[in-house]
Protein backbone atom coordinates (compact mmCIF):
# COMPACT_ATOMS: atom_id res chain seq x y z
CA MET A 1 -14.04 112.48 -70.25
CA PRO A 2 -17.03 111.75 -67.91
CA ARG A 3 -20.50 111.58 -69.42
CA GLY A 4 -23.59 113.04 -67.73
CA PRO A 5 -26.95 111.30 -67.32
CA THR A 6 -28.40 112.91 -70.47
CA THR A 7 -25.51 111.70 -72.59
CA LEU A 8 -25.79 108.19 -71.15
CA LEU A 9 -29.55 108.16 -71.82
CA ARG A 10 -28.98 109.18 -75.43
CA LEU A 11 -26.38 106.46 -75.82
CA ALA A 12 -28.78 103.89 -74.35
CA VAL A 13 -31.59 104.95 -76.71
CA ALA A 14 -29.22 104.84 -79.66
CA ALA A 15 -27.98 101.38 -78.65
CA ALA A 16 -31.58 100.15 -78.34
CA ALA A 17 -32.42 101.55 -81.76
CA VAL A 18 -29.40 99.80 -83.30
CA ALA A 19 -30.36 96.54 -81.59
CA VAL A 20 -33.89 96.78 -82.99
CA LEU A 21 -32.56 97.39 -86.50
CA VAL A 22 -30.04 94.57 -86.28
CA SER A 23 -32.13 91.91 -84.53
CA PRO A 24 -35.31 90.78 -86.34
CA ARG A 25 -36.53 89.04 -83.18
CA LEU A 26 -36.15 92.15 -81.06
CA ARG A 27 -37.66 94.30 -83.81
CA GLY A 28 -40.68 92.00 -83.88
CA ARG A 29 -41.14 92.24 -80.12
CA VAL A 30 -40.93 96.02 -80.15
CA MET A 31 -43.40 96.28 -83.04
CA TYR A 32 -45.83 93.90 -81.34
CA GLY A 33 -45.57 95.92 -78.13
CA LEU A 34 -46.33 99.09 -80.08
CA LYS A 35 -49.37 97.52 -81.69
CA ALA A 36 -50.61 96.12 -78.39
CA ALA A 37 -50.28 99.53 -76.72
CA GLN A 38 -52.23 101.24 -79.52
CA PHE A 39 -54.86 98.52 -79.35
CA LEU A 40 -55.39 98.91 -75.59
CA VAL A 41 -55.46 102.70 -75.64
CA HIS A 42 -57.84 102.94 -78.58
CA GLY A 43 -59.91 100.00 -77.33
CA SER A 44 -60.44 101.59 -73.94
CA TRP A 45 -62.06 104.52 -75.74
CA ALA A 46 -63.87 102.88 -78.66
CA TYR A 47 -64.45 99.15 -78.00
CA THR A 48 -66.18 99.46 -74.63
CA ARG A 49 -69.82 99.91 -73.66
CA GLY A 50 -69.23 103.64 -73.49
CA GLY A 51 -67.82 103.55 -77.02
CA PHE A 52 -70.91 101.77 -78.29
CA GLU A 53 -73.24 104.28 -76.63
CA ARG A 54 -71.25 107.19 -78.03
CA HIS A 55 -71.26 105.73 -81.55
CA ALA A 56 -74.98 105.01 -81.28
CA ARG A 57 -75.65 108.68 -80.58
CA GLU A 58 -73.32 109.86 -83.33
CA ARG A 59 -73.99 107.52 -86.23
CA PHE A 60 -76.89 105.12 -85.68
CA ARG A 61 -80.01 106.11 -87.61
CA GLU A 62 -83.57 104.95 -87.21
CA ARG A 63 -83.84 104.41 -90.94
CA ASP A 64 -81.18 101.68 -90.62
CA TRP A 65 -84.05 99.44 -89.53
CA ALA A 66 -87.12 101.24 -90.86
CA SER A 67 -87.40 99.13 -94.01
CA ALA A 68 -85.71 95.99 -92.71
CA ASP A 69 -87.88 93.00 -93.53
CA LEU A 70 -86.13 89.65 -93.72
CA SER A 71 -89.28 87.62 -94.30
CA GLY A 72 -88.50 84.50 -96.30
CA ARG A 73 -84.74 84.86 -95.89
CA HIS A 74 -82.88 81.99 -94.24
CA VAL A 75 -80.04 83.02 -91.93
CA LEU A 76 -77.48 80.48 -90.65
CA ILE A 77 -75.52 81.38 -87.51
CA THR A 78 -72.74 79.24 -86.08
CA GLY A 79 -72.25 79.30 -82.31
CA ALA A 80 -75.81 80.57 -81.87
CA ASN A 81 -76.52 79.08 -78.45
CA SER A 82 -74.91 81.90 -76.44
CA GLY A 83 -73.36 85.36 -76.54
CA ILE A 84 -73.28 87.34 -79.76
CA GLY A 85 -74.67 84.48 -81.86
CA TYR A 86 -77.70 84.05 -79.62
CA CYS A 87 -78.48 87.77 -79.59
CA ALA A 88 -78.06 88.00 -83.36
CA ALA A 89 -80.47 85.08 -83.75
CA GLU A 90 -83.07 86.81 -81.60
CA SER A 91 -82.79 90.16 -83.43
CA LEU A 92 -82.87 88.62 -86.90
CA SER A 93 -85.89 86.53 -85.95
CA ARG A 94 -87.69 89.70 -84.89
CA LEU A 95 -86.97 91.11 -88.36
CA GLY A 96 -88.82 88.18 -89.92
CA ALA A 97 -85.94 85.88 -90.88
CA CYS A 98 -85.98 82.11 -90.69
CA VAL A 99 -83.02 81.58 -88.37
CA HIS A 100 -80.98 78.38 -88.23
CA LEU A 101 -78.98 77.85 -85.03
CA LEU A 102 -75.83 75.86 -85.83
CA CYS A 103 -74.54 74.56 -82.50
CA ARG A 104 -71.81 72.10 -81.52
CA SER A 105 -73.76 70.89 -78.48
CA GLU A 106 -77.27 69.74 -79.27
CA GLU A 107 -78.19 70.05 -75.59
CA ARG A 108 -77.10 73.69 -75.35
CA GLY A 109 -78.70 74.32 -78.71
CA ARG A 110 -82.05 72.96 -77.49
CA ASP A 111 -81.83 75.16 -74.42
CA ALA A 112 -81.15 78.22 -76.61
CA LEU A 113 -84.06 77.29 -78.87
CA THR A 114 -86.41 77.07 -75.88
CA ARG A 115 -85.28 80.45 -74.54
CA LEU A 116 -85.69 82.11 -77.93
CA ARG A 117 -89.19 80.78 -78.36
CA GLN A 118 -90.14 82.16 -74.98
CA GLN A 119 -88.71 85.58 -75.78
CA LEU A 120 -90.06 86.07 -79.29
CA PRO A 121 -93.55 87.44 -79.93
CA ALA A 122 -96.05 84.65 -80.50
CA GLU A 123 -98.24 86.80 -82.75
CA ALA A 124 -95.43 87.13 -85.30
CA ASP A 125 -95.09 83.35 -85.50
CA ALA A 126 -91.37 83.80 -84.88
CA ALA A 127 -90.99 80.55 -82.95
CA SER A 128 -91.94 78.50 -86.01
CA ARG A 129 -89.14 80.16 -87.98
CA LEU A 130 -86.38 78.85 -85.71
CA PHE A 131 -84.41 75.73 -86.61
CA LEU A 132 -81.68 73.87 -84.75
CA HIS A 133 -78.83 71.93 -86.36
CA GLN A 134 -75.92 70.13 -84.75
CA LEU A 135 -72.61 71.22 -86.24
CA ASP A 136 -69.06 71.05 -84.89
CA VAL A 137 -67.37 73.56 -87.16
CA SER A 138 -63.90 72.37 -86.06
CA GLU A 139 -64.41 68.98 -87.73
CA LEU A 140 -64.63 68.89 -91.53
CA HIS A 141 -66.65 65.69 -91.52
CA SER A 142 -69.27 67.48 -89.41
CA VAL A 143 -69.24 70.46 -91.77
CA HIS A 144 -69.72 68.21 -94.81
CA ARG A 145 -72.46 66.24 -93.09
CA PHE A 146 -74.35 69.39 -92.18
CA ALA A 147 -74.13 70.81 -95.71
CA ARG A 148 -75.51 67.57 -97.17
CA GLU A 149 -78.33 67.33 -94.66
CA TYR A 150 -79.28 70.99 -94.95
CA GLU A 151 -79.86 70.58 -98.68
CA ALA A 152 -81.55 67.20 -98.26
CA GLY A 153 -83.89 68.77 -95.70
CA GLY A 154 -85.42 70.91 -98.42
CA TYR A 155 -84.22 74.24 -97.06
CA PRO A 156 -83.52 76.99 -99.60
CA ALA A 157 -80.07 78.39 -100.18
CA PRO A 158 -78.91 80.49 -97.23
CA SER A 159 -79.55 84.20 -97.63
CA VAL A 160 -77.06 85.01 -94.88
CA LEU A 161 -74.28 82.88 -93.41
CA VAL A 162 -72.82 84.24 -90.17
CA HIS A 163 -69.50 82.75 -89.06
CA ASN A 164 -69.73 83.50 -85.35
CA ALA A 165 -68.46 80.37 -83.58
CA GLY A 166 -64.97 80.76 -82.17
CA VAL A 167 -62.54 79.28 -79.69
CA MET A 168 -59.35 80.28 -77.89
CA GLN A 169 -57.92 76.95 -76.74
CA GLN A 170 -54.86 76.80 -74.49
CA PRO A 171 -52.81 74.59 -74.39
CA ARG A 172 -52.35 73.59 -77.99
CA ALA A 173 -54.61 70.68 -78.95
CA LEU A 174 -55.66 68.81 -82.08
CA THR A 175 -59.06 67.84 -83.41
CA SER A 176 -59.95 64.21 -84.18
CA GLU A 177 -58.78 64.98 -87.72
CA GLY A 178 -55.35 66.07 -86.50
CA VAL A 179 -55.73 69.83 -86.99
CA GLU A 180 -54.90 72.49 -84.37
CA VAL A 181 -58.20 73.32 -82.63
CA ASN A 182 -58.17 77.13 -82.86
CA PHE A 183 -57.32 77.18 -86.55
CA ALA A 184 -59.79 74.39 -87.30
CA THR A 185 -62.65 76.17 -85.53
CA ASN A 186 -61.94 79.77 -86.48
CA VAL A 187 -60.70 79.43 -90.05
CA LEU A 188 -60.68 75.99 -91.68
CA GLY A 189 -64.25 75.08 -90.70
CA PRO A 190 -65.77 78.43 -91.76
CA PHE A 191 -63.82 78.24 -95.02
CA ALA A 192 -65.12 74.73 -95.76
CA LEU A 193 -68.69 75.67 -94.84
CA THR A 194 -68.53 78.69 -97.16
CA GLU A 195 -67.16 76.60 -100.01
CA LEU A 196 -69.92 74.01 -99.61
CA LEU A 197 -72.82 76.47 -99.37
CA LEU A 198 -71.60 79.09 -101.82
CA PRO A 199 -72.70 77.41 -105.10
CA ARG A 200 -76.35 77.45 -104.00
CA MET A 201 -76.07 80.98 -102.61
CA VAL A 202 -74.74 82.24 -105.96
CA THR A 203 -77.58 80.72 -107.99
CA ALA A 204 -80.42 81.56 -105.58
CA PRO A 205 -83.06 84.05 -106.76
CA GLY A 206 -82.69 87.62 -105.59
CA GLY A 207 -78.92 87.99 -105.85
CA ASP A 208 -78.46 89.47 -102.37
CA ALA A 209 -76.86 86.76 -100.26
CA ARG A 210 -74.27 87.62 -97.62
CA VAL A 211 -71.44 85.88 -95.76
CA ILE A 212 -70.42 87.60 -92.53
CA PHE A 213 -67.25 86.81 -90.56
CA VAL A 214 -67.45 87.91 -86.92
CA THR A 215 -63.83 88.68 -86.19
CA SER A 216 -62.07 90.39 -83.30
CA ALA A 217 -60.28 93.68 -82.81
CA GLY A 218 -57.37 91.56 -81.61
CA MET A 219 -56.57 90.88 -85.25
CA LEU A 220 -55.28 94.45 -85.51
CA THR A 221 -52.15 93.36 -83.62
CA GLU A 222 -51.30 90.52 -86.02
CA CYS A 223 -49.91 90.18 -89.52
CA LEU A 224 -51.54 87.84 -92.00
CA GLU A 225 -50.05 84.39 -91.36
CA ALA A 226 -50.33 82.38 -94.57
CA ASP A 227 -47.80 79.63 -93.85
CA ASP A 228 -47.72 78.40 -90.23
CA LEU A 229 -51.50 78.14 -89.94
CA GLU A 230 -51.42 75.74 -86.99
CA TYR A 231 -48.89 77.72 -84.92
CA ALA A 232 -46.54 74.74 -85.03
CA GLN A 233 -43.28 76.59 -85.67
CA ALA A 234 -43.50 79.33 -83.04
CA THR A 235 -42.85 78.44 -79.41
CA PRO A 236 -44.27 78.62 -76.88
CA PHE A 237 -47.80 78.25 -78.17
CA ASP A 238 -49.92 81.34 -77.48
CA ALA A 239 -53.67 80.83 -77.88
CA THR A 240 -54.41 84.55 -77.69
CA ARG A 241 -52.09 85.31 -80.60
CA GLN A 242 -53.32 82.31 -82.57
CA TYR A 243 -56.90 83.52 -82.10
CA SER A 244 -55.91 87.00 -83.29
CA ARG A 245 -54.10 85.51 -86.29
CA ASN A 246 -57.19 83.48 -87.12
CA LYS A 247 -59.34 86.60 -87.02
CA ARG A 248 -56.95 88.36 -89.39
CA GLN A 249 -57.23 85.34 -91.68
CA GLN A 250 -61.03 85.64 -91.63
CA VAL A 251 -60.79 89.24 -92.84
CA ALA A 252 -58.44 88.12 -95.60
CA LEU A 253 -60.86 85.38 -96.65
CA ALA A 254 -63.64 87.95 -97.01
CA GLU A 255 -61.29 89.93 -99.26
CA HIS A 256 -60.50 86.85 -101.34
CA TYR A 257 -64.14 85.97 -101.92
CA ALA A 258 -65.07 89.58 -102.66
CA ALA A 259 -62.41 89.62 -105.38
CA HIS A 260 -63.13 86.21 -106.92
CA ALA A 261 -66.68 85.04 -106.13
CA SER A 262 -69.91 86.13 -107.78
CA ASP A 263 -71.08 89.65 -107.00
CA LYS A 264 -74.44 88.12 -106.11
CA VAL A 265 -72.94 87.39 -102.69
CA LEU A 266 -71.48 90.03 -100.39
CA PHE A 267 -68.56 89.00 -98.19
CA LEU A 268 -68.21 91.11 -95.08
CA SER A 269 -66.32 91.09 -91.80
CA CYS A 270 -66.84 92.99 -88.60
CA HIS A 271 -65.57 93.14 -85.07
CA PRO A 272 -67.96 93.56 -82.14
CA GLY A 273 -65.72 95.43 -79.70
CA TRP A 274 -64.94 94.17 -76.22
CA VAL A 275 -67.96 92.05 -75.32
CA ASP A 276 -68.91 90.10 -72.22
CA THR A 277 -68.97 86.63 -73.79
CA PRO A 278 -68.19 83.10 -72.58
CA ILE A 279 -64.96 82.97 -74.60
CA LEU A 280 -63.64 86.12 -72.95
CA ARG A 281 -64.53 84.91 -69.45
CA THR A 282 -62.95 81.50 -69.81
CA SER A 283 -60.00 82.18 -72.12
CA MET A 284 -58.87 85.63 -70.93
CA PRO A 285 -59.90 85.71 -67.25
CA SER A 286 -57.40 88.39 -66.17
CA PHE A 287 -58.41 90.73 -69.00
CA TYR A 288 -62.05 90.02 -68.19
CA GLN A 289 -61.57 90.90 -64.53
CA ARG A 290 -59.83 94.18 -65.37
CA THR A 291 -62.40 95.29 -67.96
CA GLN A 292 -65.62 93.68 -66.73
CA SER A 293 -67.26 96.96 -65.75
CA MET A 294 -66.75 98.48 -69.20
CA LEU A 295 -67.50 95.50 -71.45
CA ARG A 296 -70.28 95.64 -74.00
CA THR A 297 -73.35 93.49 -73.60
CA PRO A 298 -73.81 90.60 -76.06
CA GLU A 299 -76.74 92.54 -77.56
CA GLN A 300 -74.44 95.46 -78.30
CA GLY A 301 -71.84 93.09 -79.70
CA ALA A 302 -74.42 91.60 -82.06
CA ASP A 303 -75.68 94.95 -83.33
CA THR A 304 -73.35 95.32 -86.32
CA VAL A 305 -73.79 91.65 -87.28
CA VAL A 306 -77.54 92.21 -87.50
CA TRP A 307 -77.04 95.49 -89.37
CA LEU A 308 -74.81 93.81 -91.97
CA ALA A 309 -77.43 91.11 -92.49
CA ALA A 310 -80.32 93.55 -92.87
CA ALA A 311 -78.97 96.85 -94.23
CA PRO A 312 -79.68 97.81 -97.85
CA ARG A 313 -77.06 96.31 -100.13
CA GLU A 314 -76.04 99.71 -101.51
CA GLN A 315 -74.85 100.78 -98.06
CA LEU A 316 -72.25 98.01 -97.94
CA VAL A 317 -68.90 97.44 -99.65
CA ASN A 318 -68.00 93.92 -100.74
CA GLY A 319 -64.96 92.76 -98.77
CA GLY A 320 -65.46 95.55 -96.26
CA PHE A 321 -64.57 95.48 -92.57
CA TYR A 322 -67.07 97.10 -90.19
CA PHE A 323 -67.37 98.27 -86.61
CA ASP A 324 -70.44 99.84 -85.02
CA ARG A 325 -72.32 100.07 -88.34
CA ALA A 326 -69.51 101.87 -90.15
CA PRO A 327 -66.47 100.93 -92.24
CA ALA A 328 -63.38 100.46 -90.07
CA LYS A 329 -59.66 100.49 -90.74
CA LYS A 330 -58.03 97.07 -91.02
CA HIS A 331 -54.65 98.20 -89.71
CA LEU A 332 -53.37 100.29 -86.82
CA PRO A 333 -51.15 103.31 -87.49
CA LEU A 334 -47.42 102.61 -87.44
CA SER A 335 -47.99 98.86 -87.69
CA ASP A 336 -46.45 96.16 -89.85
CA THR A 337 -49.67 94.25 -90.55
CA ARG A 338 -50.32 95.22 -94.15
CA TYR A 339 -50.25 92.46 -96.75
CA SER A 340 -50.80 91.92 -100.45
CA MET A 341 -53.45 90.01 -102.36
CA ARG A 342 -50.70 87.54 -103.18
CA ASP A 343 -50.52 86.75 -99.46
CA VAL A 344 -54.30 86.34 -99.41
CA GLU A 345 -54.19 83.93 -102.32
CA ARG A 346 -51.44 81.92 -100.61
CA LEU A 347 -53.69 81.56 -97.57
CA TYR A 348 -56.60 80.44 -99.75
CA ALA A 349 -54.39 77.88 -101.53
CA GLN A 350 -53.24 76.51 -98.17
CA LEU A 351 -56.84 76.05 -97.05
CA GLN A 352 -57.70 74.25 -100.27
CA GLY A 353 -54.75 71.97 -99.59
CA TYR A 354 -56.11 71.12 -96.14
CA ARG A 355 -59.45 70.16 -97.64
CA ARG A 356 -57.81 67.87 -100.17
CA ARG A 357 -55.61 66.19 -97.56
CA LEU A 358 -58.52 65.60 -95.21
CA GLU A 359 -60.90 64.24 -97.85
CA PRO A 360 -60.25 60.55 -96.97
CA GLN A 361 -60.96 61.18 -93.28
CA VAL A 362 -64.07 63.19 -94.10
CA ALA A 363 -65.36 60.36 -96.28
CA ARG A 364 -64.82 57.79 -93.52
CA ALA A 365 -66.21 59.84 -90.63
CA SER A 366 -69.53 61.38 -91.59
CA PRO A 367 -72.01 59.89 -89.12
CA PRO A 368 -75.63 61.01 -89.35
CA ALA A 369 -76.90 63.59 -86.90
CA SER A 370 -80.27 65.14 -86.16
CA LEU A 371 -80.77 67.77 -88.81
CA ASP A 372 -83.66 69.67 -87.36
CA ALA A 373 -84.36 69.55 -83.65
CA GLN A 374 -86.88 72.37 -83.57
CA ASN A 375 -89.85 70.19 -82.59
């Protein structure tokens, strides 16, 4: 008996549904496509410059900043020589903080320091509260060296540590310590830096220290990867997905610390929306070209970072994830990205294992570097 077009379409849909149920690989592709579509549709509305301006009208309040005074508080920002990190450094300096620029390139760091001093009001003595440190967060020996020299330099425990530095490296590459570059920069380095600075942050007077992970909305499309951290098993290597995985791992680390570390330190994560930054221009040029006219400015991208550093503690939730000065959902609807605290602990244990394995290399390769290049 002949079948009409409608019947054939129904059979095709049914066959596709069966294939998805039977084939894990195909099911994964379909689910990822669904998440990516949700991400792009929602992002076009919420993550753009227009989204920021709309949220600013709806939820930003003058009193968010009315009592903000960060005088005497030391704020450390990785990747502070450009983009979101640079703008966060400027805003936090204006609020009275002593801001430490942690930069991989000392030359670019010096240039950023010069520009900040020119922009900040001389009467507030802001320029004298800026400090430059050389730090390559992708290399554990550099992280250890910085932590030692920061303490030896007589600086107080950090009041705020902002993990902002990030990379999206394609093709796959390794650091001098043999670790995949994206994972080393985005996750392992920030983890090690947190572990090294945390003991002093916990015991510092005041009991209101904060660690802020600047993540990415791209993490909404990824599950928590707690095993193949270096993207060695999946082929071909995809830097965009590895970056998104890393950002999901940052959110999970904030959850781990919130559950296990002292309540004297808040652990927070946020995503800045779609921002016109160097990493977007160089690593996602086609996406940048398509969205350039709607991208947020770096100042808008830094807004929630600054708010998390300065807002009254009672407004924040330990382990929380924020977007445009408000709590945000960590998962898209109809997605498969949810995970358990057991998964989070497995990730943390893996990171501890990396630190132990790399200890001999860290001990051998810790050359001195200029601690403070502010003068």
